[in-house]
Amino acid sequence: MKGPDSFPNRPSICIHHHIANHHDVLHSHNPRFRAASADGPIPNHAAAYILVNWALAYQVFSSRITKRIHGLDHNAAPREDVTKYGEAAVQSGKISRRALGMIKRNEAAHANSLEAFPLFVAGVLLAVHAGVPSETINGIGAWFTLSRIAFGVAYILIESEAGSFVRSAAWWSGNASCFTALVLAAKRL
């Protein structure tokens, strides 16, 4: 087998060299790709916030662990666990009514987290696409994340009607962060 130098009439092609040059040119001229320095651009953490909020919605606030702890997790039909087995578990003394209430609130917090996630992703991705500054996007990501953590914890742990307004405030705060991202993106598009 002949190497590239064996063909004198053809230019030598080295894919690695071509990719390296393209990488250097792209990154030296585009501020999005340069490393942040004291006077350089702030890195955009949109992808990290999306991943963290995916984990919160799909893992952290999932009721599966709580149901397993209380012996109510049935993999064949997990969405029916509370309605099908919850009351019977209370009647038999397997779990307390208070524990069943917490599991129900945990399921509701999980469902709400799944519902809120797409709006966050849409807002953040549109903001990135529209060129909203990274520090603003990072602030929105932190705002949403903290709001959703507060929402989930409040939903699961607060039992009283009066205390439930903490959850509502956190819900509105998270949505406000998403709408802020959407409005800022719309102003630039």
Foldseek 3Di string as FASTA:
>chain_A
DDAQVVDVVDDHDDPVVVVVVVVVVVQVPDLQNDDDDPPGADHACLVVLLVVLCCVLPPVLDLQVLCVVLVQADPVCRVCSCVVCVVVCCVVVSDPPLSSQLSVLSNVLNVVSVVLSVLQNVLLVLLVVLVPGRVLSVVLSVQLVVLSVQLNVQSNPPDDPVSCVSNVVSVVSNVVSSVVSVVNSVVRD
